[in-house]
């Protein structure tokens, strides 16, 4: 189906058939059109642009991937780009400009209206992953002393130019944010009533430097449609809408998943070979160092392993189970940290729950492993040692899996980025040391 639409669109562009193109894209979402355009060459892109209304083209560019956005901006005439920007909200324009080469960005900003340029410069000045970086300046803010009738006139006048109309932000005489009013409440209120009388003065807000992940947690917690961004004087700088928050949540989850695997969020499947090497190789070197540490631990017991070869077969079981159990704890804790549900200061006692869980799970899997090894090698003491080692290593896994990400958070290090390396080192080193140490203690019984 997708290939058919793509072929129809390509044919429409080749034939300069505007009706054919619109017949195809009228029932398509802008993002689906953008995905098809990624396969177009530069000449076809320019031709498509010439056949499409600016308003629709602006929507397509807003939804396009960063690579396609930059490609189109470089292809199109600057005057045409500025015209397209007039159909977009400032936060979307800022996102696009932020991906452009600096000189091209400056040239575009010079061509835009002075007022728009100032707002865009402010948006571009904030960190990309901060509240200021994702906020929009397209909102309705009215003074609280306006009547409902006056407010409705203002809303009708400003509404077509704004991104959010459902929530009205209420200001005092000094233009400080004092509350919000729902459009529904405004519509049903008497016209002679003051806006300040129907507003909600319990406003959840953030400062522009706030991390976007914390902003998303607030929006989720309080079920907000939009959250205002204010400065220290409570002046309203902009708002963050729920659609931007959804993008943040997806971005943060993806970033955490990639970092747990020791991969950068900037890397993609089709990234250049040199980029992938630069992003992955440093972490592989760190993992190599921890692997040598585990190997050194095993080397301390070479004489024991040489005398009881069965230990070599059992070692990976202990290390593997410890790593898996630790990863389970790690995933739960990192997710809870991301949601703001857990901290070291308030929740450190939960480590005892993970220790208890390690004892129970270790004993359960240890009994099964011990029975299997006894049946294979005919030595009950080997089964008892693996049973004890399994309990010990799963306790270690739960202990470090809980504490490592919380400690890293305290020291300002991203838990998703570094936790797995420390955890693997702990479970391998302590697991091998415990298992082989027990084997050395009971060596006469194993021979």
Protein backbone atom coordinates (compact mmCIF):
# COMPACT_ATOMS: atom_id res chain seq x y z
CA UNK A 1 0.00 0.00 0.00
CA UNK A 2 2.79 2.43 0.95
CA UNK A 3 4.71 1.59 -2.23
CA UNK A 4 1.58 2.28 -4.33
CA UNK A 5 1.15 5.72 -2.75
CA UNK A 6 4.83 6.43 -3.31
CA UNK A 7 4.63 5.48 -6.99
CA UNK A 8 1.45 7.54 -7.50
CA UNK A 9 3.07 10.58 -5.89
CA UNK A 10 6.23 10.18 -7.98
CA UNK A 11 4.15 9.91 -11.16
CA UNK A 12 2.13 13.01 -10.22
CA UNK A 13 5.34 15.01 -9.73
CA UNK A 14 6.84 13.78 -13.02
CA UNK A 15 3.64 14.68 -14.89
CA UNK A 16 3.25 18.07 -13.15
CA UNK A 17 -0.25 16.87 -12.27
CA UNK A 18 -1.32 18.90 -9.21
CA UNK A 19 -4.76 17.29 -9.09
CA UNK A 20 -3.25 13.81 -9.07
CA UNK A 21 -0.90 14.76 -6.23
CA UNK A 22 -3.66 16.27 -4.11
CA UNK A 23 -5.94 13.34 -4.88
CA UNK A 24 -3.33 11.14 -3.24
CA UNK A 25 -2.25 13.29 -0.29
CA UNK A 26 -5.64 14.72 0.73
CA UNK A 27 -6.27 11.70 2.96
CA UNK A 28 -2.70 11.33 4.16
CA UNK A 29 -1.06 12.66 7.31
CA UNK A 30 1.83 15.12 6.78
CA UNK A 31 4.29 12.73 8.45
CA UNK A 32 3.40 9.96 5.96
CA UNK A 33 3.98 12.37 3.08
CA UNK A 34 7.34 13.35 4.62
CA UNK A 35 8.39 9.68 4.80
CA UNK A 36 7.66 9.27 1.08
CA UNK A 37 9.59 12.47 0.26
CA UNK A 38 12.71 11.02 1.88
CA UNK A 39 13.04 8.80 -1.21
CA UNK A 40 12.80 11.77 -3.63
CA UNK A 41 15.90 13.18 -5.29
CA UNK A 42 16.59 16.94 -5.07
CA UNK A 43 14.99 17.71 -8.43
CA UNK A 44 11.76 15.89 -7.51
CA UNK A 45 11.65 17.62 -4.11
CA UNK A 46 11.87 21.06 -5.73
CA UNK A 47 9.17 20.10 -8.23
CA UNK A 48 6.91 18.79 -5.47
CA UNK A 49 7.40 22.04 -3.55
CA UNK A 50 6.36 24.08 -6.57
CA UNK A 51 3.08 22.15 -6.87
CA UNK A 52 2.06 22.26 -3.17
CA UNK A 53 0.47 25.05 -1.12
CA UNK A 54 2.79 26.69 1.41
CA UNK A 55 0.53 25.85 4.36
CA UNK A 56 0.63 22.11 3.59
CA UNK A 57 4.35 22.20 2.81
CA UNK A 58 4.98 23.83 6.19
CA UNK A 59 3.10 20.99 7.92
CA UNK A 60 5.15 18.42 6.01
CA UNK A 61 8.44 20.09 6.95
CA UNK A 62 7.37 20.25 10.62
CA UNK A 63 6.81 16.48 10.65
CA UNK A 64 9.85 15.53 8.55
CA UNK A 65 12.99 13.94 9.96
CA UNK A 66 15.87 16.26 10.88
CA UNK A 67 17.85 15.06 7.85
CA UNK A 68 15.01 15.83 5.43
CA UNK A 69 14.33 19.21 7.08
CA UNK A 70 17.95 20.31 6.62
CA UNK A 71 18.01 18.96 3.07
CA UNK A 72 14.88 20.89 2.07
CA UNK A 73 16.01 24.11 3.78
CA UNK A 74 19.28 23.93 1.82
CA UNK A 75 17.40 23.29 -1.44
CA UNK A 76 14.69 25.94 -1.23
CA UNK A 77 15.09 29.65 -1.81
CA UNK A 78 15.51 31.63 1.44
CA UNK A 79 12.49 33.83 0.69
CA UNK A 80 10.39 30.71 0.18
CA UNK A 81 11.65 29.28 3.47
CA UNK A 82 10.73 32.46 5.38
CA UNK A 83 7.29 32.26 3.78
CA UNK A 84 6.92 28.65 4.97
CA UNK A 85 8.04 29.66 8.46
CA UNK A 86 5.11 32.09 8.65
CA UNK A 87 2.82 29.03 8.87
CA UNK A 88 4.78 27.42 11.71
CA UNK A 89 4.95 28.05 15.45
CA UNK A 90 8.17 29.55 16.75
CA UNK A 91 9.23 26.46 18.71
CA UNK A 92 9.07 24.33 15.54
CA UNK A 93 11.03 26.96 13.61
CA UNK A 94 13.60 27.08 16.41
CA UNK A 95 14.00 23.29 16.28
CA UNK A 96 14.61 23.43 12.52
CA UNK A 97 17.03 26.38 12.74
CA UNK A 98 18.93 24.64 15.52
CA UNK A 99 19.86 21.83 13.12
CA UNK A 100 21.20 24.16 10.40
CA UNK A 101 24.79 25.33 9.88
CA UNK A 102 25.40 28.52 11.88
CA UNK A 103 25.87 30.84 8.88
CA UNK A 104 22.70 29.59 7.17
CA UNK A 105 20.81 30.07 10.42
CA UNK A 106 22.05 33.67 10.72
CA UNK A 107 21.15 34.45 7.10
CA UNK A 108 17.61 33.16 7.61
CA UNK A 109 17.12 35.08 10.85
CA UNK A 110 18.17 38.31 9.13
CA UNK A 111 15.37 37.91 6.61
CA UNK A 112 12.64 37.43 9.21
CA UNK A 113 10.62 40.10 10.99
CA UNK A 114 12.38 41.79 13.89
CA UNK A 115 9.83 40.57 16.47
CA UNK A 116 9.98 36.97 15.28
CA UNK A 117 13.78 37.07 15.17
CA UNK A 118 14.03 38.21 18.80
CA UNK A 119 11.72 35.42 19.98
CA UNK A 120 13.59 32.84 17.93
CA UNK A 121 16.96 34.01 19.20
CA UNK A 122 15.65 33.58 22.75
CA UNK A 123 14.40 30.06 21.98
CA UNK A 124 17.69 29.12 20.35
CA UNK A 125 19.61 30.40 23.38
CA UNK A 126 18.26 27.68 25.70
CA UNK A 127 19.63 24.15 25.92
CA UNK A 128 17.91 21.81 23.48
CA UNK A 129 16.71 19.48 26.24
CA UNK A 130 15.54 22.25 28.61
CA UNK A 131 12.07 23.72 29.15
CA UNK A 132 13.17 26.85 27.29
CA UNK A 133 14.39 24.74 24.38
CA UNK A 134 11.04 23.03 23.81
CA UNK A 135 8.63 25.84 24.74
CA UNK A 136 6.50 27.77 22.26
CA UNK A 137 5.56 31.45 22.39
CA UNK A 138 2.24 30.83 20.64
CA UNK A 139 -0.29 31.12 23.49
CA UNK A 140 -3.05 33.42 24.80
CA UNK A 141 -2.33 35.48 27.90
CA UNK A 142 -4.90 38.02 29.17
CA UNK A 143 -5.04 40.42 32.09
CA UNK A 144 -7.11 39.23 35.02
CA UNK A 145 -9.15 42.44 35.28
CA UNK A 146 -10.77 41.89 31.87
CA UNK A 147 -14.42 40.90 31.86
CA UNK A 148 -15.49 37.61 30.29
CA UNK A 149 -17.01 39.54 27.38
CA UNK A 150 -13.75 41.41 26.77
CA UNK A 151 -11.78 38.20 27.14
CA UNK A 152 -13.86 36.43 24.49
CA UNK A 153 -13.25 39.26 22.03
CA UNK A 154 -9.51 38.99 22.67
CA UNK A 155 -9.59 35.20 22.28
CA UNK A 156 -11.38 35.49 18.92
CA UNK A 157 -8.80 38.01 17.80
CA UNK A 158 -5.67 36.18 18.99
CA UNK A 159 -6.88 32.57 18.75
CA UNK A 160 -6.15 31.91 15.03
CA UNK A 161 -2.49 32.86 15.58
CA UNK A 162 -1.84 30.64 18.61
CA UNK A 163 -0.96 26.97 19.11
CA UNK A 164 -3.04 26.48 22.27
CA UNK A 165 -6.50 27.97 22.80
CA UNK A 166 -8.01 25.61 25.39
CA UNK A 167 -6.02 27.13 28.27
CA UNK A 168 -5.89 30.90 28.81
CA UNK A 169 -3.06 32.26 30.95
CA UNK A 170 -4.03 35.06 33.31
CA UNK A 171 -1.61 37.91 34.10
CA UNK A 172 -1.56 40.70 36.68
CA UNK A 173 -0.86 44.39 35.95
CA UNK A 174 2.88 43.69 36.01
CA UNK A 175 2.45 40.92 33.41
CA UNK A 176 3.24 38.25 35.99
CA UNK A 177 1.48 34.89 35.73
CA UNK A 178 -1.20 34.54 38.42
CA UNK A 179 -3.46 31.78 37.11
CA UNK A 180 -5.06 29.87 34.24
CA UNK A 181 -8.60 29.74 32.92
CA UNK A 182 -10.16 26.93 30.93
CA UNK A 183 -11.88 28.04 27.72
CA UNK A 184 -14.96 26.02 28.66
CA UNK A 185 -15.31 27.94 31.94
CA UNK A 186 -14.96 31.23 30.07
CA UNK A 187 -17.69 30.29 27.58
CA UNK A 188 -20.24 29.46 30.28
CA UNK A 189 -19.43 32.34 32.65
CA UNK A 190 -21.51 35.59 32.74
CA UNK A 191 -20.04 38.24 30.42
CA UNK A 192 -19.79 40.87 33.14
CA UNK A 193 -17.72 38.67 35.43
CA UNK A 194 -13.97 39.27 35.75
CA UNK A 195 -11.51 36.73 34.34
CA UNK A 196 -9.65 36.71 37.64
CA UNK A 197 -12.83 35.46 39.38
CA UNK A 198 -13.00 32.22 37.41
CA UNK A 199 -9.30 31.42 37.07
CA UNK A 200 -7.40 28.67 38.84
CA UNK A 201 -4.63 30.32 40.86
CA UNK A 202 -2.89 27.02 41.67
CA UNK A 203 -0.52 27.10 38.70
CA UNK A 204 2.12 24.45 38.03
CA UNK A 205 5.02 26.12 36.22
CA UNK A 206 8.70 25.59 35.41
CA UNK A 207 11.73 27.79 34.78
CA UNK A 208 13.37 27.80 31.33
CA UNK A 209 16.48 25.94 32.54
CA UNK A 210 14.46 22.98 33.88
CA UNK A 211 15.36 19.64 32.31
CA UNK A 212 12.76 18.44 29.81
CA UNK A 213 12.45 15.07 31.56
CA UNK A 214 11.39 16.76 34.82
CA UNK A 215 8.89 18.86 32.86
CA UNK A 216 7.37 15.71 31.34
CA UNK A 217 6.98 14.20 34.81
CA UNK A 218 5.05 17.27 36.01
CA UNK A 219 2.74 17.23 32.98
CA UNK A 220 2.10 13.52 33.48
CA UNK A 221 1.61 13.82 37.25
CA UNK A 222 -0.87 16.70 37.11
CA UNK A 223 -2.52 15.72 33.78
CA UNK A 224 -1.79 19.12 32.20
CA UNK A 225 -2.64 20.17 28.65
CA UNK A 226 0.11 22.81 28.74
CA UNK A 227 2.63 23.98 31.31
CA UNK A 228 3.86 27.59 31.50
CA UNK A 229 7.53 28.56 31.52
CA UNK A 230 8.29 31.56 33.74
CA UNK A 231 11.33 33.53 34.92
CA UNK A 232 12.20 34.55 38.50
CA UNK A 233 9.79 37.50 38.25
CA UNK A 234 6.97 35.12 37.21
CA UNK A 235 6.90 36.70 33.76
CA UNK A 236 5.45 34.27 31.23
CA UNK A 237 8.15 33.33 28.71
CA UNK A 238 6.29 30.58 26.88
CA UNK A 239 4.40 27.32 27.28
CA UNK A 240 5.10 23.65 26.65
CA UNK A 241 2.26 21.72 25.05
CA UNK A 242 1.32 18.10 25.63
CA UNK A 243 2.32 17.07 22.08
CA UNK A 244 5.87 18.28 22.78
CA UNK A 245 5.82 16.36 26.07
CA UNK A 246 4.91 13.16 24.23
CA UNK A 247 7.96 13.69 22.00
CA UNK A 248 10.11 14.23 25.12
CA UNK A 249 8.87 11.02 26.76
CA UNK A 250 9.64 8.99 23.63
CA UNK A 251 13.05 10.65 23.28
CA UNK A 252 14.01 10.07 26.93
CA UNK A 253 12.87 6.44 26.89
CA UNK A 254 14.81 5.79 23.69
CA UNK A 255 17.88 7.48 25.13
CA UNK A 256 17.74 5.39 28.32
CA UNK A 257 17.36 2.16 26.35
CA UNK A 258 20.33 2.99 24.13
CA UNK A 259 22.51 4.07 27.04
CA UNK A 260 21.78 0.86 28.91
CA UNK A 261 23.35 -0.87 25.94
CA UNK A 262 26.32 1.52 25.91
CA UNK A 263 25.15 3.25 22.72
CA UNK A 264 24.78 6.98 22.08
CA UNK A 265 21.35 8.43 21.30
CA UNK A 266 22.86 10.23 18.27
CA UNK A 267 23.71 6.94 16.55
CA UNK A 268 21.36 5.39 14.03
CA UNK A 269 21.41 2.16 12.00
CA UNK A 270 22.49 4.12 8.93
CA UNK A 271 25.09 6.25 10.74
CA UNK A 272 28.53 6.49 9.13
CA UNK A 273 31.00 3.76 10.07
CA UNK A 274 33.38 6.28 11.68
CA UNK A 275 30.52 7.71 13.79
CA UNK A 276 29.55 4.26 15.09
CA UNK A 277 33.19 3.49 15.92
CA UNK A 278 33.58 6.74 17.90
CA UNK A 279 30.34 6.16 19.81
CA UNK A 280 30.86 2.49 20.67
CA UNK A 281 34.59 1.83 20.95
CA UNK A 282 35.23 3.84 24.17
CA UNK A 283 32.60 1.83 26.03
CA UNK A 284 34.01 -1.43 24.67
CA UNK A 285 37.42 -0.46 26.07
CA UNK A 286 35.82 0.16 29.47
CA UNK A 287 34.06 -3.21 29.28
CA UNK A 288 37.36 -4.80 28.29
CA UNK A 289 38.94 -3.42 31.45
CA UNK A 290 36.19 -4.88 33.63
CA UNK A 291 36.50 -8.20 31.78
CA UNK A 292 40.22 -8.33 32.65
CA UNK A 293 39.30 -7.67 36.29
CA UNK A 294 36.94 -10.67 36.24
CA UNK A 295 39.60 -12.75 34.48
CA UNK A 296 42.13 -11.77 37.13
CA UNK A 297 39.71 -12.99 39.82
CA UNK A 298 39.36 -16.34 38.06
CA UNK A 299 43.14 -16.51 37.68
CA UNK A 300 43.53 -16.48 41.47
CA UNK A 301 41.88 -19.92 41.53
CA UNK A 302 43.59 -21.56 38.53
CA UNK A 303 44.91 -24.40 40.67
CA UNK A 304 41.41 -25.16 42.00
CA UNK A 305 39.87 -25.18 38.51
CA UNK A 306 42.69 -27.40 37.22
CA UNK A 307 41.87 -29.99 39.89
CA UNK A 308 38.09 -29.85 39.47
CA UNK A 309 37.26 -29.30 35.78
CA UNK A 310 33.51 -29.27 36.54
CA UNK A 311 33.96 -25.82 38.11
CA UNK A 312 34.79 -24.36 34.69
CA UNK A 313 31.43 -25.56 33.37
CA UNK A 314 29.53 -24.17 36.36
CA UNK A 315 31.19 -20.73 36.47
CA UNK A 316 29.23 -19.19 33.54
CA UNK A 317 25.96 -20.23 35.24
CA UNK A 318 26.78 -18.26 38.39
CA UNK A 319 27.96 -15.19 36.45
CA UNK A 320 25.09 -15.30 33.97
CA UNK A 321 22.36 -15.60 36.60
CA UNK A 322 23.92 -12.79 38.64
CA UNK A 323 24.05 -10.54 35.59
CA UNK A 324 20.45 -11.28 34.62
CA UNK A 325 19.14 -10.70 38.14
CA UNK A 326 21.11 -7.47 38.43
CA UNK A 327 19.77 -6.22 35.11
CA UNK A 328 16.21 -6.83 36.31
CA UNK A 329 16.81 -4.71 39.42
CA UNK A 330 18.71 -2.09 37.42
CA UNK A 331 15.88 -1.68 34.88
CA UNK A 332 13.25 -1.21 37.58
CA UNK A 333 15.35 1.30 39.54
CA UNK A 334 16.39 3.37 36.51
CA UNK A 335 12.77 3.53 35.37
CA UNK A 336 11.69 4.63 38.87
CA UNK A 337 14.42 7.30 38.90
CA UNK A 338 13.20 8.60 35.53
CA UNK A 339 9.66 8.85 36.90
CA UNK A 340 10.85 10.58 40.07
CA UNK A 341 9.55 7.75 42.25
CA UNK A 342 12.75 6.84 44.09
CA UNK A 343 15.81 8.55 45.61
CA UNK A 344 18.72 7.33 47.73
CA UNK A 345 17.89 9.61 50.67
CA UNK A 346 14.22 8.62 50.95
CA UNK A 347 14.19 5.03 49.70
CA UNK A 348 17.53 3.46 50.66
CA UNK A 349 15.77 0.93 52.90
CA UNK A 350 14.29 -0.71 49.79
CA UNK A 351 17.69 -2.30 49.27
CA UNK A 352 16.71 -4.84 51.94
CA UNK A 353 13.78 -5.91 49.77
CA UNK A 354 16.20 -6.55 46.89
CA UNK A 355 18.47 -8.54 49.22
CA UNK A 356 15.52 -10.67 50.34
CA UNK A 357 14.50 -11.11 46.71
CA UNK A 358 18.05 -12.24 45.92
CA UNK A 359 17.95 -14.84 48.71
CA UNK A 360 14.60 -16.27 47.55
CA UNK A 361 15.38 -16.27 43.81
CA UNK A 362 18.93 -17.49 44.45
CA UNK A 363 17.73 -20.37 46.60
CA UNK A 364 15.04 -21.36 44.08
CA UNK A 365 17.34 -21.35 41.04
CA UNK A 366 20.25 -22.69 43.12
CA UNK A 367 18.35 -25.83 44.15
CA UNK A 368 17.50 -26.62 40.53
CA UNK A 369 21.07 -25.93 39.36
CA UNK A 370 22.53 -28.01 42.22
CA UNK A 371 20.33 -31.00 41.37
CA UNK A 372 21.30 -30.83 37.69
CA UNK A 373 25.03 -30.62 38.46
CA UNK A 374 24.74 -33.49 40.98
CA UNK A 375 23.04 -35.65 38.35
CA UNK A 376 25.73 -34.79 35.79
CA UNK A 377 28.86 -35.10 37.94
CA UNK A 378 27.62 -37.30 40.80
CA UNK A 379 29.04 -35.02 43.51
CA UNK A 380 26.52 -33.62 46.03
CA UNK A 381 29.06 -31.10 47.39
CA UNK A 382 29.33 -29.42 43.97
CA UNK A 383 25.55 -29.03 44.07
CA UNK A 384 25.71 -27.46 47.55
CA UNK A 385 28.47 -25.04 46.53
CA UNK A 386 26.57 -23.87 43.43
CA UNK A 387 23.45 -23.49 45.62
CA UNK A 388 25.29 -21.24 48.10
CA UNK A 389 27.07 -19.30 45.34
CA UNK A 390 23.82 -18.69 43.50
CA UNK A 391 22.20 -17.20 46.61
CA UNK A 392 25.25 -15.05 47.29
CA UNK A 393 25.58 -13.73 43.75
CA UNK A 394 21.87 -12.88 43.39
CA UNK A 395 22.05 -11.01 46.71
CA UNK A 396 25.07 -9.13 45.34
CA UNK A 397 23.17 -8.45 42.10
CA UNK A 398 20.15 -7.04 43.95
CA UNK A 399 22.31 -4.95 46.30
CA UNK A 400 24.43 -3.34 43.59
CA UNK A 401 21.60 -3.22 41.04
CA UNK A 402 19.64 -1.06 43.48
CA UNK A 403 22.41 1.16 44.87
CA UNK A 404 24.60 1.82 41.80
CA UNK A 405 22.08 3.89 39.78
CA UNK A 406 21.00 5.84 42.88
CA UNK A 407 24.61 6.64 43.80
CA UNK A 408 25.39 7.71 40.24
CA UNK A 409 22.36 10.00 40.33
CA UNK A 410 23.67 11.60 43.55
CA UNK A 411 27.03 12.31 41.85
CA UNK A 412 25.32 13.81 38.80
CA UNK A 413 26.09 10.91 36.44
CA UNK A 414 23.36 9.54 34.18
CA UNK A 415 22.39 6.15 35.75
CA UNK A 416 21.34 4.73 32.39
CA UNK A 417 24.75 5.48 30.91
CA UNK A 418 27.14 3.91 33.43
CA UNK A 419 25.16 1.56 35.71
CA UNK A 420 25.42 -1.56 33.55
CA UNK A 421 29.23 -1.47 33.47
CA UNK A 422 29.59 -1.21 37.25
CA UNK A 423 26.92 -3.86 37.81
CA UNK A 424 28.52 -6.35 35.43
CA UNK A 425 31.87 -5.85 37.14
CA UNK A 426 30.34 -6.42 40.60
CA UNK A 427 28.40 -9.57 39.68
CA UNK A 428 31.28 -11.12 37.72
CA UNK A 429 34.06 -10.36 40.19
CA UNK A 430 32.15 -11.10 43.40
CA UNK A 431 30.30 -14.03 41.82
CA UNK A 432 33.48 -15.75 40.64
CA UNK A 433 35.28 -14.99 43.90
CA UNK A 434 32.41 -16.40 45.97
CA UNK A 435 31.92 -19.54 43.89
CA UNK A 436 35.60 -20.38 43.48
CA UNK A 437 36.36 -19.39 47.08
CA UNK A 438 33.78 -21.88 48.34
CA UNK A 439 35.18 -24.49 45.97
CA UNK A 440 38.69 -23.95 47.37
CA UNK A 441 37.41 -24.30 50.95
CA UNK A 442 35.75 -27.64 50.18
CA UNK A 443 38.25 -28.81 47.59
CA UNK A 444 38.93 -32.22 49.26
CA UNK A 445 35.20 -33.01 49.07
CA UNK A 446 35.02 -32.18 45.36
CA UNK A 447 37.84 -34.47 44.28
